[in-house]
Amino acid sequence: QVQLVESGGGTVQAGGSLRLSCVASGSISRINHMAWYRQAPGKQRELAASIFSTSGTPDYVDSVKGRFTISIDNAKNTVYLEMDSLKPEDTAVYYCHAVILTHGTDWFTGFWGPGTQVTVSS
């Protein structure tokens, strides 16, 4: 099986920075894609940033462009999210998601981490 574990969440003042990490472990043959989703209280979960492991091509929701940077370390099966110029509206639970080919299978499966809280105070 596969486990995703996020870290780096916390409370920061508006304008501050945080760096999230997500490590994938377990029966991993290949990672195709990793992403950070976020869910604010009373709102639907949204895709904040994503990246393909082979090309390293990132994509961002408009509200975080220019402030967030996603990166991937394929050797460590780890994805990062550097968040700068944080705003109170960035407050949410941030979830890591990965699309992984597991050993012994011929298809990719999506996995979720348990989430990490990010709180930005004004």
PDB file of N, CA and C in Angstrom:
ATOM      1  N   GLN A   1       0.850  -1.196   0.000  1.00  0.00           N
ATOM      2  CA  GLN A   1       0.000   0.000   0.000  1.00  0.00           C
ATOM      3  C   GLN A   1       0.890   1.252   0.000  1.00  0.00           C
ATOM      4  N   VAL A   2       0.255   2.387  -0.166  1.00  0.00           N
ATOM      5  CA  VAL A   2       0.969   3.660  -0.265  1.00  0.00           C
ATOM      6  C   VAL A   2       0.473   4.612   0.819  1.00  0.00           C
ATOM      7  N   GLN A   3       1.385   5.347   1.409  1.00  0.00           N
ATOM      8  CA  GLN A   3       1.032   6.364   2.396  1.00  0.00           C
ATOM      9  C   GLN A   3       1.603   7.714   1.971  1.00  0.00           C
ATOM     10  N   LEU A   4       0.800   8.743   2.183  1.00  0.00           N
ATOM     11  CA  LEU A   4       1.245  10.116   1.984  1.00  0.00           C
ATOM     12  C   LEU A   4       1.193  10.825   3.325  1.00  0.00           C
ATOM     13  N   VAL A   5       2.263  11.525   3.661  1.00  0.00           N
ATOM     14  CA  VAL A   5       2.309  12.239   4.935  1.00  0.00           C
ATOM     15  C   VAL A   5       2.739  13.677   4.680  1.00  0.00           C
ATOM     16  N   GLU A   6       1.861  14.616   5.057  1.00  0.00           N
ATOM     17  CA  GLU A   6       2.170  16.029   4.901  1.00  0.00           C
ATOM     18  C   GLU A   6       2.792  16.585   6.183  1.00  0.00           C
ATOM     19  N   SER A   7       3.570  17.642   6.035  1.00  0.00           N
ATOM     20  CA  SER A   7       4.128  18.353   7.178  1.00  0.00           C
ATOM     21  C   SER A   7       4.370  19.804   6.789  1.00  0.00           C
ATOM     22  N   GLY A   8       4.568  20.651   7.797  1.00  0.00           N
ATOM     23  CA  GLY A   8       4.912  22.045   7.528  1.00  0.00           C
ATOM     24  C   GLY A   8       3.802  23.036   7.745  1.00  0.00           C
ATOM     25  N   GLY A   9       2.601  22.548   8.053  1.00  0.00           N
ATOM     26  CA  GLY A   9       1.511  23.467   8.311  1.00  0.00           C
ATOM     27  C   GLY A   9       1.713  24.219   9.618  1.00  0.00           C
ATOM     28  N   GLY A  10       0.866  25.218   9.831  1.00  0.00           N
ATOM     29  CA  GLY A  10       0.971  25.988  11.062  1.00  0.00           C
ATOM     30  C   GLY A  10       0.221  27.295  10.940  1.00  0.00           C
ATOM     31  N   THR A  11       0.502  28.200  11.871  1.00  0.00           N
ATOM     32  CA  THR A  11      -0.130  29.511  11.893  1.00  0.00           C
ATOM     33  C   THR A  11       0.906  30.577  11.596  1.00  0.00           C
ATOM     34  N   VAL A  12       0.543  31.491  10.710  1.00  0.00           N
ATOM     35  CA  VAL A  12       1.454  32.546  10.299  1.00  0.00           C
ATOM     36  C   VAL A  12       0.661  33.822  10.091  1.00  0.00           C
ATOM     37  N   GLN A  13       1.318  34.943  10.254  1.00  0.00           N
ATOM     38  CA  GLN A  13       0.657  36.221   9.998  1.00  0.00           C
ATOM     39  C   GLN A  13       0.588  36.497   8.507  1.00  0.00           C
ATOM     40  N   ALA A  14      -0.375  37.314   8.122  1.00  0.00           N
ATOM     41  CA  ALA A  14      -0.514  37.705   6.722  1.00  0.00           C
ATOM     42  C   ALA A  14       0.800  38.311   6.227  1.00  0.00           C
ATOM     43  N   GLY A  15       1.181  37.911   5.021  1.00  0.00           N
ATOM     44  CA  GLY A  15       2.447  38.347   4.451  1.00  0.00           C
ATOM     45  C   GLY A  15       3.582  37.393   4.709  1.00  0.00           C
ATOM     46  N   GLY A  16       3.364  36.434   5.582  1.00  0.00           N
ATOM     47  CA  GLY A  16       4.399  35.472   5.925  1.00  0.00           C
ATOM     48  C   GLY A  16       4.492  34.329   4.946  1.00  0.00           C
ATOM     49  N   SER A  17       5.348  33.356   5.287  1.00  0.00           N
ATOM     50  CA  SER A  17       5.609  32.222   4.406  1.00  0.00           C
ATOM     51  C   SER A  17       5.548  30.908   5.176  1.00  0.00           C
ATOM     52  N   LEU A  18       5.207  29.865   4.462  1.00  0.00           N
ATOM     53  CA  LEU A  18       5.264  28.499   4.978  1.00  0.00           C
ATOM     54  C   LEU A  18       5.705  27.577   3.849  1.00  0.00           C
ATOM     55  N   ARG A  19       6.321  26.472   4.228  1.00  0.00           N
ATOM     56  CA  ARG A  19       6.706  25.454   3.243  1.00  0.00           C
ATOM     57  C   ARG A  19       6.114  24.126   3.659  1.00  0.00           C
ATOM     58  N   LEU A  20       5.271  23.587   2.802  1.00  0.00           N
ATOM     59  CA  LEU A  20       4.677  22.276   3.043  1.00  0.00           C
ATOM     60  C   LEU A  20       5.482  21.202   2.329  1.00  0.00           C
ATOM     61  N   SER A  21       5.513  20.028   2.962  1.00  0.00           N
ATOM     62  CA  SER A  21       6.165  18.865   2.358  1.00  0.00           C
ATOM     63  C   SER A  21       5.207  17.696   2.398  1.00  0.00           C
ATOM     64  N   CYS A  22       5.332  16.822   1.417  1.00  0.00           N
ATOM     65  CA  CYS A  22       4.526  15.595   1.381  1.00  0.00           C
ATOM     66  C   CYS A  22       5.415  14.474   0.871  1.00  0.00           C
ATOM     67  N   VAL A  23       5.559  13.453   1.706  1.00  0.00           N
ATOM     68  CA  VAL A  23       6.384  12.296   1.349  1.00  0.00           C
ATOM     69  C   VAL A  23       5.489  11.113   1.053  1.00  0.00           C
ATOM     70  N   ALA A  24       5.728  10.495  -0.086  1.00  0.00           N
ATOM     71  CA  ALA A  24       5.022   9.270  -0.454  1.00  0.00           C
ATOM     72  C   ALA A  24       5.918   8.074  -0.164  1.00  0.00           C
ATOM     73  N   SER A  25       5.334   7.045   0.464  1.00  0.00           N
ATOM     74  CA  SER A  25       6.111   5.849   0.781  1.00  0.00           C
ATOM     75  C   SER A  25       5.251   4.612   0.586  1.00  0.00           C
ATOM     76  N   GLY A  26       5.929   3.453   0.506  1.00  0.00           N
ATOM     77  CA  GLY A  26       5.209   2.198   0.349  1.00  0.00           C
ATOM     78  C   GLY A  26       5.555   1.531  -0.967  1.00  0.00           C
ATOM     79  N   SER A  27       4.570   0.839  -1.502  1.00  0.00           N
ATOM     80  CA  SER A  27       4.774   0.015  -2.692  1.00  0.00           C
ATOM     81  C   SER A  27       4.667   0.855  -3.974  1.00  0.00           C
ATOM     82  N   ILE A  28       5.676   1.710  -4.189  1.00  0.00           N
ATOM     83  CA  ILE A  28       5.648   2.658  -5.294  1.00  0.00           C
ATOM     84  C   ILE A  28       6.553   2.199  -6.424  1.00  0.00           C
ATOM     85  N   SER A  29       5.947   2.041  -7.607  1.00  0.00           N
ATOM     86  CA  SER A  29       6.733   1.757  -8.790  1.00  0.00           C
ATOM     87  C   SER A  29       7.098   3.056  -9.502  1.00  0.00           C
ATOM     88  N   ARG A  30       6.108   3.902  -9.666  1.00  0.00           N
ATOM     89  CA  ARG A  30       6.359   5.188 -10.320  1.00  0.00           C
ATOM     90  C   ARG A  30       5.287   6.187  -9.919  1.00  0.00           C
ATOM     91  N   ILE A  31       5.698   7.435  -9.712  1.00  0.00           N
ATOM     92  CA  ILE A  31       4.766   8.527  -9.455  1.00  0.00           C
ATOM     93  C   ILE A  31       4.580   9.321 -10.736  1.00  0.00           C
ATOM     94  N   ASN A  32       3.334   9.509 -11.128  1.00  0.00           N
ATOM     95  CA  ASN A  32       3.033  10.237 -12.354  1.00  0.00           C
ATOM     96  C   ASN A  32       2.816  11.719 -12.082  1.00  0.00           C
ATOM     97  N   HIS A  33       2.162  12.029 -10.992  1.00  0.00           N
ATOM     98  CA  HIS A  33       1.652  13.385 -10.787  1.00  0.00           C
ATOM     99  C   HIS A  33       1.437  13.592  -9.304  1.00  0.00           C
ATOM    100  N   MET A  34       1.797  14.790  -8.800  1.00  0.00           N
ATOM    101  CA  MET A  34       1.510  15.122  -7.402  1.00  0.00           C
ATOM    102  C   MET A  34       0.881  16.506  -7.349  1.00  0.00           C
ATOM    103  N   ALA A  35       0.074  16.718  -6.336  1.00  0.00           N
ATOM    104  CA  ALA A  35      -0.662  17.977  -6.268  1.00  0.00           C
ATOM    105  C   ALA A  35      -0.977  18.345  -4.825  1.00  0.00           C
ATOM    106  N   TRP A  36      -1.279  19.619  -4.632  1.00  0.00           N
ATOM    107  CA  TRP A  36      -1.767  20.131  -3.358  1.00  0.00           C
ATOM    108  C   TRP A  36      -3.179  20.663  -3.572  1.00  0.00           C
ATOM    109  N   TYR A  37      -4.110  20.131  -2.806  1.00  0.00           N
ATOM    110  CA  TYR A  37      -5.472  20.630  -2.758  1.00  0.00           C
ATOM    111  C   TYR A  37      -5.647  21.341  -1.426  1.00  0.00           C
ATOM    112  N   ARG A  38      -6.666  22.179  -1.359  1.00  0.00           N
ATOM    113  CA  ARG A  38      -6.965  22.824  -0.085  1.00  0.00           C
ATOM    114  C   ARG A  38      -8.474  22.946   0.089  1.00  0.00           C
ATOM    115  N   GLN A  39      -8.880  22.914   1.353  1.00  0.00           N
ATOM    116  CA  GLN A  39     -10.302  23.029   1.670  1.00  0.00           C
ATOM    117  C   GLN A  39     -10.475  23.970   2.843  1.00  0.00           C
ATOM    118  N   ALA A  40     -11.109  25.104   2.569  1.00  0.00           N
ATOM    119  CA  ALA A  40     -11.408  26.083   3.610  1.00  0.00           C
ATOM    120  C   ALA A  40     -12.728  25.723   4.274  1.00  0.00           C
ATOM    121  N   PRO A  41     -12.958  26.180   5.494  1.00  0.00           N
ATOM    122  CA  PRO A  41     -14.208  25.874   6.196  1.00  0.00           C
ATOM    123  C   PRO A  41     -15.426  26.289   5.375  1.00  0.00           C
ATOM    124  N   GLY A  42     -16.355  25.353   5.199  1.00  0.00           N
ATOM    125  CA  GLY A  42     -17.581  25.641   4.476  1.00  0.00           C
ATOM    126  C   GLY A  42     -17.443  25.707   2.974  1.00  0.00           C
ATOM    127  N   LYS A  43     -16.267  25.368   2.451  1.00  0.00           N
ATOM    128  CA  LYS A  43     -16.045  25.429   1.010  1.00  0.00           C
ATOM    129  C   LYS A  43     -15.630  24.067   0.469  1.00  0.00           C
ATOM    130  N   GLN A  44     -15.752  23.937  -0.848  1.00  0.00           N
ATOM    131  CA  GLN A  44     -15.340  22.696  -1.489  1.00  0.00           C
ATOM    132  C   GLN A  44     -13.816  22.634  -1.602  1.00  0.00           C
ATOM    133  N   ARG A  45     -13.316  21.433  -1.663  1.00  0.00           N
ATOM    134  CA  ARG A  45     -11.884  21.235  -1.860  1.00  0.00           C
ATOM    135  C   ARG A  45     -11.517  21.714  -3.264  1.00  0.00           C
ATOM    136  N   GLU A  46     -10.411  22.456  -3.364  1.00  0.00           N
ATOM    137  CA  GLU A  46      -9.969  22.962  -4.659  1.00  0.00           C
ATOM    138  C   GLU A  46      -8.500  22.615  -4.890  1.00  0.00           C
ATOM    139  N   LEU A  47      -8.167  22.481  -6.163  1.00  0.00           N
ATOM    140  CA  LEU A  47      -6.791  22.230  -6.545  1.00  0.00           C
ATOM    141  C   LEU A  47      -6.017  23.540  -6.473  1.00  0.00           C
ATOM    142  N   ALA A  48      -4.958  23.563  -5.667  1.00  0.00           N
ATOM    143  CA  ALA A  48      -4.146  24.768  -5.534  1.00  0.00           C
ATOM    144  C   ALA A  48      -2.953  24.756  -6.487  1.00  0.00           C
ATOM    145  N   ALA A  49      -2.277  23.601  -6.573  1.00  0.00           N
ATOM    146  CA  ALA A  49      -1.098  23.501  -7.423  1.00  0.00           C
ATOM    147  C   ALA A  49      -0.838  22.038  -7.742  1.00  0.00           C
ATOM    148  N   SER A  50      -0.264  21.793  -8.915  1.00  0.00           N
ATOM    149  CA  SER A  50       0.041  20.426  -9.318  1.00  0.00           C
ATOM    150  C   SER A  50       1.309  20.402 -10.156  1.00  0.00           C
ATOM    151  N   ILE A  51       1.895  19.201 -10.247  1.00  0.00           N
ATOM    152  CA  ILE A  51       3.134  19.064 -11.006  1.00  0.00           C
ATOM    153  C   ILE A  51       3.283  17.631 -11.498  1.00  0.00           C
ATOM    154  N   PHE A  52       3.750  17.485 -12.745  1.00  0.00           N
ATOM    155  CA  PHE A  52       4.040  16.171 -13.286  1.00  0.00           C
ATOM    156  C   PHE A  52       5.483  15.800 -12.943  1.00  0.00           C
ATOM    157  N   SER A  53       5.674  14.535 -12.555  1.00  0.00           N
ATOM    158  CA  SER A  53       6.992  14.121 -12.078  1.00  0.00           C
ATOM    159  C   SER A  53       8.029  14.085 -13.184  1.00  0.00           C
ATOM    160  N   THR A  54       7.628  13.763 -14.412  1.00  0.00           N
ATOM    161  CA  THR A  54       8.600  13.633 -15.491  1.00  0.00           C
ATOM    162  C   THR A  54       8.995  14.989 -16.061  1.00  0.00           C
ATOM    163  N   SER A  55       8.019  15.819 -16.377  1.00  0.00           N
ATOM    164  CA  SER A  55       8.324  17.103 -16.999  1.00  0.00           C
ATOM    165  C   SER A  55       8.623  18.199 -15.982  1.00  0.00           C
ATOM    166  N   GLY A  56       8.084  18.029 -14.774  1.00  0.00           N
ATOM    167  CA  GLY A  56       8.237  19.084 -13.775  1.00  0.00           C
ATOM    168  C   GLY A  56       7.384  20.298 -14.072  1.00  0.00           C
ATOM    169  N   THR A  57       6.447  20.152 -14.999  1.00  0.00           N
ATOM    170  CA  THR A  57       5.599  21.284 -15.381  1.00  0.00           C
ATOM    171  C   THR A  57       4.577  21.555 -14.279  1.00  0.00           C
ATOM    172  N   PRO A  58       4.588  22.782 -13.727  1.00  0.00           N
ATOM    173  CA  PRO A  58       3.639  23.104 -12.661  1.00  0.00           C
ATOM    174  C   PRO A  58       2.376  23.767 -13.215  1.00  0.00           C
ATOM    175  N   ASP A  59       1.350  23.740 -12.403  1.00  0.00           N
ATOM    176  CA  ASP A  59       0.118  24.442 -12.727  1.00  0.00           C
ATOM    177  C   ASP A  59      -0.465  24.965 -11.429  1.00  0.00           C
ATOM    178  N   TYR A  60      -1.093  26.130 -11.487  1.00  0.00           N
ATOM    179  CA  TYR A  60      -1.597  26.775 -10.286  1.00  0.00           C
ATOM    180  C   TYR A  60      -2.996  27.332 -10.516  1.00  0.00           C
ATOM    181  N   VAL A  61      -3.780  27.349  -9.449  1.00  0.00           N
ATOM    182  CA  VAL A  61      -5.038  28.073  -9.493  1.00  0.00           C
ATOM    183  C   VAL A  61      -4.696  29.563  -9.514  1.00  0.00           C
ATOM    184  N   ASP A  62      -5.523  30.354 -10.173  1.00  0.00           N
ATOM    185  CA  ASP A  62      -5.201  31.775 -10.361  1.00  0.00           C
ATOM    186  C   ASP A  62      -4.926  32.503  -9.047  1.00  0.00           C
ATOM    187  N   SER A  63      -5.633  32.134  -8.002  1.00  0.00           N
ATOM    188  CA  SER A  63      -5.531  32.867  -6.740  1.00  0.00           C
ATOM    189  C   SER A  63      -4.168  32.715  -6.050  1.00  0.00           C
ATOM    190  N   VAL A  64      -3.368  31.735  -6.465  1.00  0.00           N
ATOM    191  CA  VAL A  64      -2.059  31.544  -5.825  1.00  0.00           C
ATOM    192  C   VAL A  64      -0.894  31.811  -6.764  1.00  0.00           C
ATOM    193  N   LYS A  65      -1.181  32.084  -8.020  1.00  0.00           N
ATOM    194  CA  LYS A  65      -0.112  32.331  -8.990  1.00  0.00           C
ATOM    195  C   LYS A  65       0.751  33.521  -8.551  1.00  0.00           C
ATOM    196  N   GLY A  66       2.059  33.324  -8.647  1.00  0.00           N
ATOM    197  CA  GLY A  66       2.987  34.371  -8.243  1.00  0.00           C
ATOM    198  C   GLY A  66       3.323  34.358  -6.760  1.00  0.00           C
ATOM    199  N   ARG A  67       2.600  33.573  -5.975  1.00  0.00           N
ATOM    200  CA  ARG A  67       2.842  33.497  -4.531  1.00  0.00           C
ATOM    201  C   ARG A  67       3.263  32.098  -4.078  1.00  0.00           C
ATOM    202  N   PHE A  68       2.734  31.068  -4.727  1.00  0.00           N
ATOM    203  CA  PHE A  68       3.028  29.687  -4.367  1.00  0.00           C
ATOM    204  C   PHE A  68       3.934  29.071  -5.424  1.00  0.00           C
ATOM    205  N   THR A  69       4.817  28.184  -4.978  1.00  0.00           N
ATOM    206  CA  THR A  69       5.686  27.449  -5.892  1.00  0.00           C
ATOM    207  C   THR A  69       5.676  25.977  -5.513  1.00  0.00           C
ATOM    208  N   ILE A  70       5.305  25.130  -6.477  1.00  0.00           N
ATOM    209  CA  ILE A  70       5.316  23.693  -6.248  1.00  0.00           C
ATOM    210  C   ILE A  70       6.561  23.104  -6.888  1.00  0.00           C
ATOM    211  N   SER A  71       7.158  22.138  -6.207  1.00  0.00           N
ATOM    212  CA  SER A  71       8.334  21.466  -6.755  1.00  0.00           C
ATOM    213  C   SER A  71       8.307  20.007  -6.325  1.00  0.00           C
ATOM    214  N   ILE A  72       9.079  19.177  -7.024  1.00  0.00           N
ATOM    215  CA  ILE A  72       9.078  17.753  -6.734  1.00  0.00           C
ATOM    216  C   ILE A  72      10.504  17.225  -6.711  1.00  0.00           C
ATOM    217  N   ASP A  73      10.778  16.348  -5.766  1.00  0.00           N
ATOM    218  CA  ASP A  73      12.058  15.650  -5.692  1.00  0.00           C
ATOM    219  C   ASP A  73      11.766  14.178  -5.953  1.00  0.00           C
ATOM    220  N   ASN A  74      12.003  13.741  -7.167  1.00  0.00           N
ATOM    221  CA  ASN A  74      11.639  12.377  -7.545  1.00  0.00           C
ATOM    222  C   ASN A  74      12.448  11.328  -6.773  1.00  0.00           C
ATOM    223  N   ALA A  75      13.671  11.655  -6.442  1.00  0.00           N
ATOM    224  CA  ALA A  75      14.506  10.698  -5.710  1.00  0.00           C
ATOM    225  C   ALA A  75      13.966  10.428  -4.310  1.00  0.00           C
ATOM    226  N   LYS A  76      13.276  11.426  -3.753  1.00  0.00           N
ATOM    227  CA  LYS A  76      12.730  11.297  -2.402  1.00  0.00           C
ATOM    228  C   LYS A  76      11.226  11.074  -2.388  1.00  0.00           C
ATOM    229  N   ASN A  77      10.606  10.978  -3.564  1.00  0.00           N
ATOM    230  CA  ASN A  77       9.137  10.834  -3.647  1.00  0.00           C
ATOM    231  C   ASN A  77       8.444  11.918  -2.823  1.00  0.00           C
ATOM    232  N   THR A  78       8.938  13.127  -2.947  1.00  0.00           N
ATOM    233  CA  THR A  78       8.458  14.223  -2.122  1.00  0.00           C
ATOM    234  C   THR A  78       8.061  15.418  -2.985  1.00  0.00           C
ATOM    235  N   VAL A  79       6.935  16.002  -2.620  1.00  0.00           N
ATOM    236  CA  VAL A  79       6.484  17.227  -3.271  1.00  0.00           C
ATOM    237  C   VAL A  79       6.445  18.334  -2.224  1.00  0.00           C
ATOM    238  N   TYR A  80       6.808  19.530  -2.647  1.00  0.00           N
ATOM    239  CA  TYR A  80       6.847  20.681  -1.757  1.00  0.00           C
ATOM    240  C   TYR A  80       5.902  21.773  -2.260  1.00  0.00           C
ATOM    241  N   LEU A  81       5.458  22.596  -1.335  1.00  0.00           N
ATOM    242  CA  LEU A  81       4.693  23.773  -1.708  1.00  0.00           C
ATOM    243  C   LEU A  81       5.231  24.941  -0.889  1.00  0.00           C
ATOM    244  N   GLU A  82       5.935  25.828  -1.567  1.00  0.00           N
ATOM    245  CA  GLU A  82       6.437  27.040  -0.941  1.00  0.00           C
ATOM    246  C   GLU A  82       5.370  28.107  -1.084  1.00  0.00           C
ATOM    247  N   MET A  83       4.902  28.621   0.050  1.00  0.00           N
ATOM    248  CA  MET A  83       3.809  29.593   0.052  1.00  0.00           C
ATOM    249  C   MET A  83       4.322  30.902   0.627  1.00  0.00           C
ATOM    250  N   ASP A  84       4.336  31.917  -0.210  1.00  0.00           N
ATOM    251  CA  ASP A  84       4.806  33.249   0.189  1.00  0.00           C
ATOM    252  C   ASP A  84       3.653  34.253   0.119  1.00  0.00           C
ATOM    253  N   SER A  85       3.857  35.400   0.751  1.00  0.00           N
ATOM    254  CA  SER A  85       2.835  36.460   0.747  1.00  0.00           C
ATOM    255  C   SER A  85       1.469  35.903   1.100  1.00  0.00           C
ATOM    256  N   LEU A  86       1.426  35.117   2.148  1.00  0.00           N
ATOM    257  CA  LEU A  86       0.177  34.452   2.530  1.00  0.00           C
ATOM    258  C   LEU A  86      -0.892  35.451   2.937  1.00  0.00           C
ATOM    259  N   LYS A  87      -2.132  35.096   2.609  1.00  0.00           N
ATOM    260  CA  LYS A  87      -3.288  35.927   2.902  1.00  0.00           C
ATOM    261  C   LYS A  87      -4.246  35.154   3.805  1.00  0.00           C
ATOM    262  N   PRO A  88      -5.092  35.849   4.553  1.00  0.00           N
ATOM    263  CA  PRO A  88      -6.067  35.143   5.394  1.00  0.00           C
ATOM    264  C   PRO A  88      -6.938  34.175   4.588  1.00  0.00           C
ATOM    265  N   GLU A  89      -7.217  34.497   3.339  1.00  0.00           N
ATOM    266  CA  GLU A  89      -8.046  33.608   2.512  1.00  0.00           C
ATOM    267  C   GLU A  89      -7.317  32.337   2.096  1.00  0.00           C
ATOM    268  N   ASP A  90      -6.034  32.232   2.396  1.00  0.00           N
ATOM    269  CA  ASP A  90      -5.302  30.983   2.155  1.00  0.00           C
ATOM    270  C   ASP A  90      -5.515  29.976   3.294  1.00  0.00           C
ATOM    271  N   THR A  91      -6.179  30.406   4.349  1.00  0.00           N
ATOM    272  CA  THR A  91      -6.439  29.516   5.478  1.00  0.00           C
ATOM    273  C   THR A  91      -7.284  28.325   5.031  1.00  0.00           C
ATOM    274  N   ALA A  92      -6.775  27.132   5.284  1.00  0.00           N
ATOM    275  CA  ALA A  92      -7.447  25.913   4.832  1.00  0.00           C
ATOM    276  C   ALA A  92      -6.668  24.707   5.352  1.00  0.00           C
ATOM    277  N   VAL A  93      -7.285  23.548   5.192  1.00  0.00           N
ATOM    278  CA  VAL A  93      -6.549  22.300   5.343  1.00  0.00           C
ATOM    279  C   VAL A  93      -5.972  21.981   3.969  1.00  0.00           C
ATOM    280  N   TYR A  94      -4.673  21.737   3.924  1.00  0.00           N
ATOM    281  CA  TYR A  94      -3.990  21.438   2.675  1.00  0.00           C
ATOM    282  C   TYR A  94      -3.738  19.933   2.584  1.00  0.00           C
ATOM    283  N   TYR A  95      -4.186  19.357   1.469  1.00  0.00           N
ATOM    284  CA  TYR A  95      -4.075  17.920   1.257  1.00  0.00           C
ATOM    285  C   TYR A  95      -3.127  17.621   0.101  1.00  0.00           C
ATOM    286  N   CYS A  96      -2.293  16.628   0.306  1.00  0.00           N
ATOM    287  CA  CYS A  96      -1.425  16.144  -0.752  1.00  0.00           C
ATOM    288  C   CYS A  96      -2.147  15.032  -1.510  1.00  0.00           C
ATOM    289  N   HIS A  97      -1.983  15.028  -2.820  1.00  0.00           N
ATOM    290  CA  HIS A  97      -2.563  13.976  -3.658  1.00  0.00           C
ATOM    291  C   HIS A  97      -1.492  13.490  -4.622  1.00  0.00           C
ATOM    292  N   ALA A  98      -1.441  12.193  -4.845  1.00  0.00           N
ATOM    293  CA  ALA A  98      -0.461  11.637  -5.773  1.00  0.00           C
ATOM    294  C   ALA A  98      -1.099  10.558  -6.635  1.00  0.00           C
ATOM    295  N   VAL A  99      -0.711  10.520  -7.888  1.00  0.00           N
ATOM    296  CA  VAL A  99      -1.160   9.484  -8.817  1.00  0.00           C
ATOM    297  C   VAL A  99       0.027   8.548  -9.017  1.00  0.00           C
ATOM    298  N   ILE A 100      -0.162   7.292  -8.579  1.00  0.00           N
ATOM    299  CA  ILE A 100       0.973   6.382  -8.424  1.00  0.00           C
ATOM    300  C   ILE A 100       0.707   5.034  -9.075  1.00  0.00           C
ATOM    301  N   LEU A 101       1.734   4.523  -9.727  1.00  0.00           N
ATOM    302  CA  LEU A 101       1.715   3.142 -10.208  1.00  0.00           C
ATOM    303  C   LEU A 101       2.340   2.292  -9.107  1.00  0.00           C
ATOM    304  N   THR A 102       1.541   1.413  -8.519  1.00  0.00           N
ATOM    305  CA  THR A 102       2.054   0.588  -7.427  1.00  0.00           C
ATOM    306  C   THR A 102       2.615  -0.723  -7.977  1.00  0.00           C
ATOM    307  N   HIS A 103       3.516  -1.301  -7.225  1.00  0.00           N
ATOM    308  CA  HIS A 103       4.132  -2.568  -7.640  1.00  0.00           C
ATOM    309  C   HIS A 103       3.064  -3.641  -7.823  1.00  0.00           C
ATOM    310  N   GLY A 104       3.177  -4.404  -8.911  1.00  0.00           N
ATOM    311  CA  GLY A 104       2.258  -5.508  -9.139  1.00  0.00           C
ATOM    312  C   GLY A 104       0.982  -5.124  -9.855  1.00  0.00           C
ATOM    313  N   THR A 105       0.859  -3.842 -10.246  1.00  0.00           N
ATOM    314  CA  THR A 105      -0.327  -3.420 -10.981  1.00  0.00           C
ATOM    315  C   THR A 105       0.090  -2.769 -12.303  1.00  0.00           C
ATOM    316  N   ASP A 106      -0.901  -2.630 -13.191  1.00  0.00           N
ATOM    317  CA  ASP A 106      -0.654  -1.986 -14.484  1.00  0.00           C
ATOM    318  C   ASP A 106      -1.430  -0.694 -14.623  1.00  0.00           C
ATOM    319  N   TRP A 107      -1.946  -0.168 -13.503  1.00  0.00           N
ATOM    320  CA  TRP A 107      -2.734   1.062 -13.586  1.00  0.00           C
ATOM    321  C   TRP A 107      -2.321   2.017 -12.483  1.00  0.00           C
ATOM    322  N   PHE A 108      -2.602   3.286 -12.743  1.00  0.00           N
ATOM    323  CA  PHE A 108      -2.298   4.327 -11.770  1.00  0.00           C
ATOM    324  C   PHE A 108      -3.479   4.518 -10.828  1.00  0.00           C
ATOM    325  N   THR A 109      -3.173   4.785  -9.574  1.00  0.00           N
ATOM    326  CA  THR A 109      -4.174   4.991  -8.533  1.00  0.00           C
ATOM    327  C   THR A 109      -3.903   6.303  -7.816  1.00  0.00           C
ATOM    328  N   GLY A 110      -4.969   6.996  -7.442  1.00  0.00           N
ATOM    329  CA  GLY A 110      -4.829   8.239  -6.689  1.00  0.00           C
ATOM    330  C   GLY A 110      -4.834   7.986  -5.191  1.00  0.00           C
ATOM    331  N   PHE A 111      -3.951   8.665  -4.479  1.00  0.00           N
ATOM    332  CA  PHE A 111      -3.860   8.543  -3.029  1.00  0.00           C
ATOM    333  C   PHE A 111      -3.893   9.927  -2.397  1.00  0.00           C
ATOM    334  N   TRP A 112      -4.450   9.989  -1.180  1.00  0.00           N
ATOM    335  CA  TRP A 112      -4.556  11.244  -0.444  1.00  0.00           C
ATOM    336  C   TRP A 112      -3.786  11.158   0.869  1.00  0.00           C
ATOM    337  N   GLY A 113      -3.234  12.288   1.287  1.00  0.00           N
ATOM    338  CA  GLY A 113      -2.703  12.403   2.619  1.00  0.00           C
ATOM    339  C   GLY A 113      -3.794  12.859   3.572  1.00  0.00           C
ATOM    340  N   PRO A 114      -3.531  12.822   4.891  1.00  0.00           N
ATOM    341  CA  PRO A 114      -4.550  13.193   5.878  1.00  0.00           C
ATOM    342  C   PRO A 114      -4.782  14.696   5.979  1.00  0.00           C
ATOM    343  N   GLY A 115      -3.865  15.495   5.442  1.00  0.00           N
ATOM    344  CA  GLY A 115      -4.036  16.948   5.471  1.00  0.00           C
ATOM    345  C   GLY A 115      -3.236  17.621   6.566  1.00  0.00           C
ATOM    346  N   THR A 116      -2.926  18.888   6.337  1.00  0.00           N
ATOM    347  CA  THR A 116      -2.227  19.702   7.334  1.00  0.00           C
ATOM    348  C   THR A 116      -2.864  21.096   7.353  1.00  0.00           C
ATOM    349  N   GLN A 117      -3.095  21.610   8.543  1.00  0.00           N
ATOM    350  CA  GLN A 117      -3.794  22.884   8.687  1.00  0.00           C
ATOM    351  C   GLN A 117      -2.841  24.056   8.460  1.00  0.00           C
ATOM    352  N   VAL A 118      -3.300  25.003   7.648  1.00  0.00           N
ATOM    353  CA  VAL A 118      -2.590  26.272   7.458  1.00  0.00           C
ATOM    354  C   VAL A 118      -3.546  27.383   7.869  1.00  0.00           C
ATOM    355  N   THR A 119      -3.118  28.197   8.809  1.00  0.00           N
ATOM    356  CA  THR A 119      -3.933  29.306   9.284  1.00  0.00           C
ATOM    357  C   THR A 119      -3.149  30.607   9.120  1.00  0.00           C
ATOM    358  N   VAL A 120      -3.756  31.556   8.420  1.00  0.00           N
ATOM    359  CA  VAL A 120      -3.118  32.853   8.196  1.00  0.00           C
ATOM    360  C   VAL A 120      -3.937  33.913   8.931  1.00  0.00           C
ATOM    361  N   SER A 121      -3.323  34.549   9.896  1.00  0.00           N
ATOM    362  CA  SER A 121      -4.023  35.569  10.684  1.00  0.00           C
ATOM    363  C   SER A 121      -3.793  36.958  10.087  1.00  0.00           C
ATOM    364  N   SER A 122      -4.802  37.783  10.235  1.00  0.00           N
ATOM    365  CA  SER A 122      -4.718  39.141   9.664  1.00  0.00           C
ATOM    366  C   SER A 122      -4.108  40.132  10.643  1.00  0.00           C
TER     367      SER A 122
END
